[in-house]
PDB file of N, CA and C in Angstrom:
ATOM      1  N   UNK A   1       0.996  -1.055  -0.122  1.00  0.00           N
ATOM      2  CA  UNK A   1       0.102   0.223  -0.295  1.00  0.00           C
ATOM      3  C   UNK A   1       0.857   1.349  -0.135  1.00  0.00           C
ATOM      4  N   UNK A   2       0.976   2.085  -0.914  1.00  0.00           N
ATOM      5  CA  UNK A   2       1.250   3.491  -1.308  1.00  0.00           C
ATOM      6  C   UNK A   2       0.487   4.138  -0.064  1.00  0.00           C
ATOM      7  N   UNK A   3       1.282   5.377   1.073  1.00  0.00           N
ATOM      8  CA  UNK A   3       0.489   6.250   2.004  1.00  0.00           C
ATOM      9  C   UNK A   3       1.006   7.450   1.066  1.00  0.00           C
ATOM     10  N   UNK A   4       0.042   8.419   2.117  1.00  0.00           N
ATOM     11  CA  UNK A   4       0.429   9.510   1.005  1.00  0.00           C
ATOM     12  C   UNK A   4       1.206  10.745   2.677  1.00  0.00           C
ATOM     13  N   UNK A   5       1.058  11.834   1.857  1.00  0.00           N
ATOM     14  CA  UNK A   5       2.295  12.247   2.844  1.00  0.00           C
ATOM     15  C   UNK A   5       1.397  12.245   4.348  1.00  0.00           C
ATOM     16  N   UNK A   6      -0.517  13.189   4.300  1.00  0.00           N
ATOM     17  CA  UNK A   6      -1.113  13.529   5.010  1.00  0.00           C
ATOM     18  C   UNK A   6      -1.273  11.488   6.046  1.00  0.00           C
ATOM     19  N   UNK A   7      -1.290  10.622   5.080  1.00  0.00           N
ATOM     20  CA  UNK A   7      -1.154   9.351   5.903  1.00  0.00           C
ATOM     21  C   UNK A   7       0.192   9.382   6.637  1.00  0.00           C
ATOM     22  N   UNK A   8       1.229   9.317   6.635  1.00  0.00           N
ATOM     23  CA  UNK A   8       2.329   9.174   7.046  1.00  0.00           C
ATOM     24  C   UNK A   8       2.073   9.601   7.933  1.00  0.00           C
ATOM     25  N   UNK A   9       2.081  11.869   8.323  1.00  0.00           N
ATOM     26  CA  UNK A   9       2.611  12.492   9.040  1.00  0.00           C
ATOM     27  C   UNK A   9       1.389  11.635  10.556  1.00  0.00           C
ATOM     28  N   UNK A  10      -0.201  11.195   9.912  1.00  0.00           N
ATOM     29  CA  UNK A  10      -0.728  10.774  11.289  1.00  0.00           C
ATOM     30  C   UNK A  10       0.307  10.257  11.889  1.00  0.00           C
ATOM     31  N   UNK A  11       0.448   9.239  10.961  1.00  0.00           N
ATOM     32  CA  UNK A  11       1.035   6.944  11.460  1.00  0.00           C
ATOM     33  C   UNK A  11       2.533   7.610  13.008  1.00  0.00           C
ATOM     34  N   UNK A  12       2.870   8.728  11.740  1.00  0.00           N
ATOM     35  CA  UNK A  12       4.147   9.158  12.425  1.00  0.00           C
ATOM     36  C   UNK A  12       3.960  10.456  13.784  1.00  0.00           C
ATOM     37  N   UNK A  13       2.284  11.054  14.121  1.00  0.00           N
ATOM     38  CA  UNK A  13       2.336  11.478  15.303  1.00  0.00           C
ATOM     39  C   UNK A  13       2.465  12.634  14.474  1.00  0.00           C
ATOM     40  N   UNK A  14       3.237  13.469  13.418  1.00  0.00           N
ATOM     41  CA  UNK A  14       4.436  14.234  13.435  1.00  0.00           C
ATOM     42  C   UNK A  14       3.754  15.743  12.557  1.00  0.00           C
ATOM     43  N   UNK A  15       3.628  16.702  12.119  1.00  0.00           N
ATOM     44  CA  UNK A  15       3.284  16.796  11.192  1.00  0.00           C
ATOM     45  C   UNK A  15       3.838  16.520   9.573  1.00  0.00           C
ATOM     46  N   UNK A  16       2.844  17.461   8.364  1.00  0.00           N
ATOM     47  CA  UNK A  16       3.649  17.614   6.933  1.00  0.00           C
ATOM     48  C   UNK A  16       4.728  17.215   6.975  1.00  0.00           C
ATOM     49  N   UNK A  17       5.622  18.490   7.002  1.00  0.00           N
ATOM     50  CA  UNK A  17       6.866  19.075   6.616  1.00  0.00           C
ATOM     51  C   UNK A  17       7.795  18.692   7.402  1.00  0.00           C
ATOM     52  N   UNK A  18       7.384  18.057   8.547  1.00  0.00           N
ATOM     53  CA  UNK A  18       8.403  17.338   9.349  1.00  0.00           C
ATOM     54  C   UNK A  18       8.587  16.169   8.556  1.00  0.00           C
ATOM     55  N   UNK A  19       7.782  15.533   7.775  1.00  0.00           N
ATOM     56  CA  UNK A  19       7.703  13.948   6.790  1.00  0.00           C
ATOM     57  C   UNK A  19       8.994  14.305   5.908  1.00  0.00           C
ATOM     58  N   UNK A  20       7.755  15.872   5.360  1.00  0.00           N
ATOM     59  CA  UNK A  20       9.015  16.161   4.171  1.00  0.00           C
ATOM     60  C   UNK A  20      11.016  16.498   4.404  1.00  0.00           C
ATOM     61  N   UNK A  21      10.859  16.470   6.108  1.00  0.00           N
ATOM     62  CA  UNK A  21      12.185  16.405   6.650  1.00  0.00           C
ATOM     63  C   UNK A  21      12.671  15.164   6.117  1.00  0.00           C
ATOM     64  N   UNK A  22      12.388  14.197   7.688  1.00  0.00           N
ATOM     65  CA  UNK A  22      12.408  12.525   7.383  1.00  0.00           C
ATOM     66  C   UNK A  22      13.101  12.714   6.140  1.00  0.00           C
ATOM     67  N   UNK A  23      11.945  12.541   4.892  1.00  0.00           N
ATOM     68  CA  UNK A  23      12.470  11.390   3.869  1.00  0.00           C
ATOM     69  C   UNK A  23      13.484  12.206   3.565  1.00  0.00           C
ATOM     70  N   UNK A  24      14.506  13.784   3.328  1.00  0.00           N
ATOM     71  CA  UNK A  24      14.817  14.182   2.807  1.00  0.00           C
ATOM     72  C   UNK A  24      16.554  14.421   3.601  1.00  0.00           C
ATOM     73  N   UNK A  25      16.360  14.571   5.007  1.00  0.00           N
ATOM     74  CA  UNK A  25      17.754  13.812   5.850  1.00  0.00           C
ATOM     75  C   UNK A  25      17.838  13.238   6.567  1.00  0.00           C
ATOM     76  N   UNK A  26      16.609  12.486   6.475  1.00  0.00           N
ATOM     77  CA  UNK A  26      16.683  10.808   7.272  1.00  0.00           C
ATOM     78  C   UNK A  26      16.904   9.392   6.310  1.00  0.00           C
ATOM     79  N   UNK A  27      16.317   9.996   4.813  1.00  0.00           N
ATOM     80  CA  UNK A  27      16.647   8.399   4.378  1.00  0.00           C
ATOM     81  C   UNK A  27      15.204   7.713   4.538  1.00  0.00           C
ATOM     82  N   UNK A  28      14.079   8.431   4.100  1.00  0.00           N
ATOM     83  CA  UNK A  28      13.244   7.611   4.357  1.00  0.00           C
ATOM     84  C   UNK A  28      12.447   7.555   3.123  1.00  0.00           C
ATOM     85  N   UNK A  29      11.999   6.219   2.058  1.00  0.00           N
ATOM     86  CA  UNK A  29      12.564   6.199   0.565  1.00  0.00           C
ATOM     87  C   UNK A  29      10.197   6.397   0.778  1.00  0.00           C
ATOM     88  N   UNK A  30      10.647   6.874  -0.971  1.00  0.00           N
ATOM     89  CA  UNK A  30       9.524   7.158  -1.249  1.00  0.00           C
ATOM     90  C   UNK A  30       9.568   7.028  -3.048  1.00  0.00           C
ATOM     91  N   UNK A  31       8.476   6.938  -3.437  1.00  0.00           N
ATOM     92  CA  UNK A  31       8.337   6.637  -4.625  1.00  0.00           C
ATOM     93  C   UNK A  31       7.548   8.224  -5.361  1.00  0.00           C
ATOM     94  N   UNK A  32       8.048   8.555  -6.636  1.00  0.00           N
ATOM     95  CA  UNK A  32       7.192   9.816  -7.317  1.00  0.00           C
ATOM     96  C   UNK A  32       6.144   9.708  -7.780  1.00  0.00           C
ATOM     97  N   UNK A  33       5.857  10.625  -7.993  1.00  0.00           N
ATOM     98  CA  UNK A  33       4.763  10.855  -9.556  1.00  0.00           C
ATOM     99  C   UNK A  33       4.171  11.535  -9.454  1.00  0.00           C
ATOM    100  N   UNK A  34       5.321  12.535 -10.727  1.00  0.00           N
ATOM    101  CA  UNK A  34       5.309  13.888 -11.147  1.00  0.00           C
ATOM    102  C   UNK A  34       5.472  14.658  -9.500  1.00  0.00           C
ATOM    103  N   UNK A  35       5.001  15.969  -9.443  1.00  0.00           N
ATOM    104  CA  UNK A  35       4.370  15.877  -7.918  1.00  0.00           C
ATOM    105  C   UNK A  35       4.560  15.173  -7.126  1.00  0.00           C
ATOM    106  N   UNK A  36       3.512  14.441  -6.926  1.00  0.00           N
ATOM    107  CA  UNK A  36       3.220  13.345  -5.819  1.00  0.00           C
ATOM    108  C   UNK A  36       3.659  12.370  -5.413  1.00  0.00           C
ATOM    109  N   UNK A  37       4.376  12.562  -3.570  1.00  0.00           N
ATOM    110  CA  UNK A  37       4.623  11.589  -3.241  1.00  0.00           C
ATOM    111  C   UNK A  37       4.437  10.912  -2.610  1.00  0.00           C
ATOM    112  N   UNK A  38       4.468   9.140  -2.835  1.00  0.00           N
ATOM    113  CA  UNK A  38       3.808   8.412  -2.043  1.00  0.00           C
ATOM    114  C   UNK A  38       4.902   7.697  -0.943  1.00  0.00           C
ATOM    115  N   UNK A  39       4.696   6.949   0.195  1.00  0.00           N
ATOM    116  CA  UNK A  39       5.083   6.498   0.793  1.00  0.00           C
ATOM    117  C   UNK A  39       4.934   4.568   0.700  1.00  0.00           C
ATOM    118  N   UNK A  40       5.561   3.823   0.312  1.00  0.00           N
ATOM    119  CA  UNK A  40       5.551   2.672   0.621  1.00  0.00           C
ATOM    120  C   UNK A  40       5.945   2.111   2.278  1.00  0.00           C
ATOM    121  N   UNK A  41       4.221   1.611   2.902  1.00  0.00           N
ATOM    122  CA  UNK A  41       3.527   0.931   3.826  1.00  0.00           C
ATOM    123  C   UNK A  41       4.917   0.896   5.145  1.00  0.00           C
ATOM    124  N   UNK A  42       5.600  -0.482   3.385  1.00  0.00           N
ATOM    125  CA  UNK A  42       6.382  -1.955   4.082  1.00  0.00           C
ATOM    126  C   UNK A  42       7.394  -0.430   4.267  1.00  0.00           C
ATOM    127  N   UNK A  43       8.272   0.165   4.009  1.00  0.00           N
ATOM    128  CA  UNK A  43       9.613   1.513   3.481  1.00  0.00           C
ATOM    129  C   UNK A  43       9.360   1.521   5.148  1.00  0.00           C
ATOM    130  N   UNK A  44       8.078   2.307   5.854  1.00  0.00           N
ATOM    131  CA  UNK A  44       7.346   3.007   6.621  1.00  0.00           C
ATOM    132  C   UNK A  44       7.509   2.159   7.943  1.00  0.00           C
ATOM    133  N   UNK A  45       7.476   0.763   8.316  1.00  0.00           N
ATOM    134  CA  UNK A  45       7.677   0.247   8.940  1.00  0.00           C
ATOM    135  C   UNK A  45       9.089  -0.173   9.204  1.00  0.00           C
ATOM    136  N   UNK A  46      10.064  -0.257   7.503  1.00  0.00           N
ATOM    137  CA  UNK A  46      11.133  -0.762   7.593  1.00  0.00           C
ATOM    138  C   UNK A  46      11.994   0.152   7.935  1.00  0.00           C
ATOM    139  N   UNK A  47      11.402   1.444   8.758  1.00  0.00           N
ATOM    140  CA  UNK A  47      12.152   3.120   8.485  1.00  0.00           C
ATOM    141  C   UNK A  47      12.066   2.764  10.106  1.00  0.00           C
ATOM    142  N   UNK A  48      11.028   2.855  10.939  1.00  0.00           N
ATOM    143  CA  UNK A  48      10.688   2.415  12.306  1.00  0.00           C
ATOM    144  C   UNK A  48      11.698   2.081  12.881  1.00  0.00           C
ATOM    145  N   UNK A  49      11.974   0.582  12.257  1.00  0.00           N
ATOM    146  CA  UNK A  49      12.632  -0.466  13.446  1.00  0.00           C
ATOM    147  C   UNK A  49      14.032   0.223  13.095  1.00  0.00           C
ATOM    148  N   UNK A  50      14.148   0.397  12.324  1.00  0.00           N
ATOM    149  CA  UNK A  50      15.729   1.250  11.896  1.00  0.00           C
ATOM    150  C   UNK A  50      16.348   2.495  12.580  1.00  0.00           C
ATOM    151  N   UNK A  51      15.472   3.146  12.770  1.00  0.00           N
ATOM    152  CA  UNK A  51      14.675   4.016  13.863  1.00  0.00           C
ATOM    153  C   UNK A  51      14.741   3.272  15.596  1.00  0.00           C
ATOM    154  N   UNK A  52      14.585   2.564  16.078  1.00  0.00           N
ATOM    155  CA  UNK A  52      14.006   2.447  16.921  1.00  0.00           C
ATOM    156  C   UNK A  52      15.977   1.230  17.596  1.00  0.00           C
ATOM    157  N   UNK A  53      15.989   0.591  16.830  1.00  0.00           N
ATOM    158  CA  UNK A  53      17.569   0.349  16.733  1.00  0.00           C
ATOM    159  C   UNK A  53      18.659   1.403  17.262  1.00  0.00           C
ATOM    160  N   UNK A  54      18.293   2.639  16.367  1.00  0.00           N
ATOM    161  CA  UNK A  54      19.980   3.631  16.677  1.00  0.00           C
ATOM    162  C   UNK A  54      19.227   3.847  17.852  1.00  0.00           C
ATOM    163  N   UNK A  55      17.785   4.253  18.014  1.00  0.00           N
ATOM    164  CA  UNK A  55      17.867   4.724  19.378  1.00  0.00           C
ATOM    165  C   UNK A  55      17.899   4.034  20.718  1.00  0.00           C
ATOM    166  N   UNK A  56      17.694   3.041  20.852  1.00  0.00           N
ATOM    167  CA  UNK A  56      18.226   1.705  21.156  1.00  0.00           C
ATOM    168  C   UNK A  56      19.577   1.634  21.899  1.00  0.00           C
ATOM    169  N   UNK A  57      20.869   2.897  20.632  1.00  0.00           N
ATOM    170  CA  UNK A  57      21.768   2.033  21.280  1.00  0.00           C
ATOM    171  C   UNK A  57      22.374   3.076  21.771  1.00  0.00           C
ATOM    172  N   UNK A  58      23.552   2.609  23.063  1.00  0.00           N
ATOM    173  CA  UNK A  58      24.027   3.296  23.506  1.00  0.00           C
ATOM    174  C   UNK A  58      25.648   3.347  23.424  1.00  0.00           C
ATOM    175  N   UNK A  59      25.894   4.859  23.629  1.00  0.00           N
ATOM    176  CA  UNK A  59      27.132   5.455  23.868  1.00  0.00           C
ATOM    177  C   UNK A  59      28.428   4.834  24.837  1.00  0.00           C
ATOM    178  N   UNK A  60      28.999   3.809  25.051  1.00  0.00           N
ATOM    179  CA  UNK A  60      29.343   3.577  26.931  1.00  0.00           C
ATOM    180  C   UNK A  60      30.983   3.894  26.461  1.00  0.00           C
ATOM    181  N   UNK A  61      30.971   5.513  26.971  1.00  0.00           N
ATOM    182  CA  UNK A  61      32.924   4.837  26.760  1.00  0.00           C
ATOM    183  C   UNK A  61      34.210   4.380  27.683  1.00  0.00           C
ATOM    184  N   UNK A  62      34.728   3.660  27.176  1.00  0.00           N
ATOM    185  CA  UNK A  62      35.725   2.151  27.677  1.00  0.00           C
ATOM    186  C   UNK A  62      36.048   3.592  29.156  1.00  0.00           C
ATOM    187  N   UNK A  63      36.974   2.641  30.032  1.00  0.00           N
ATOM    188  CA  UNK A  63      37.618   3.128  30.845  1.00  0.00           C
ATOM    189  C   UNK A  63      38.606   3.619  30.770  1.00  0.00           C
ATOM    190  N   UNK A  64      39.412   4.521  30.788  1.00  0.00           N
ATOM    191  CA  UNK A  64      40.854   4.288  30.062  1.00  0.00           C
ATOM    192  C   UNK A  64      42.164   5.242  31.198  1.00  0.00           C
ATOM    193  N   UNK A  65      41.786   4.956  32.086  1.00  0.00           N
ATOM    194  CA  UNK A  65      42.010   4.660  33.381  1.00  0.00           C
ATOM    195  C   UNK A  65      43.633   4.278  33.186  1.00  0.00           C
TER     196      UNK A  65
END
């Protein structure tokens, strides 16, 4: 299923400009039909999973005493 920007924004609980920023800066993949932009539902799910992994990772510097 292909999602509109509005549908993606609702699922992410953010504004449409924020969705566009995520596409531009964070690598969410889209399909373009002329000026229309659609996000494959599977792509959004994969992106959410990847973001969850990144946010779970914690940097722990080694003790260099």
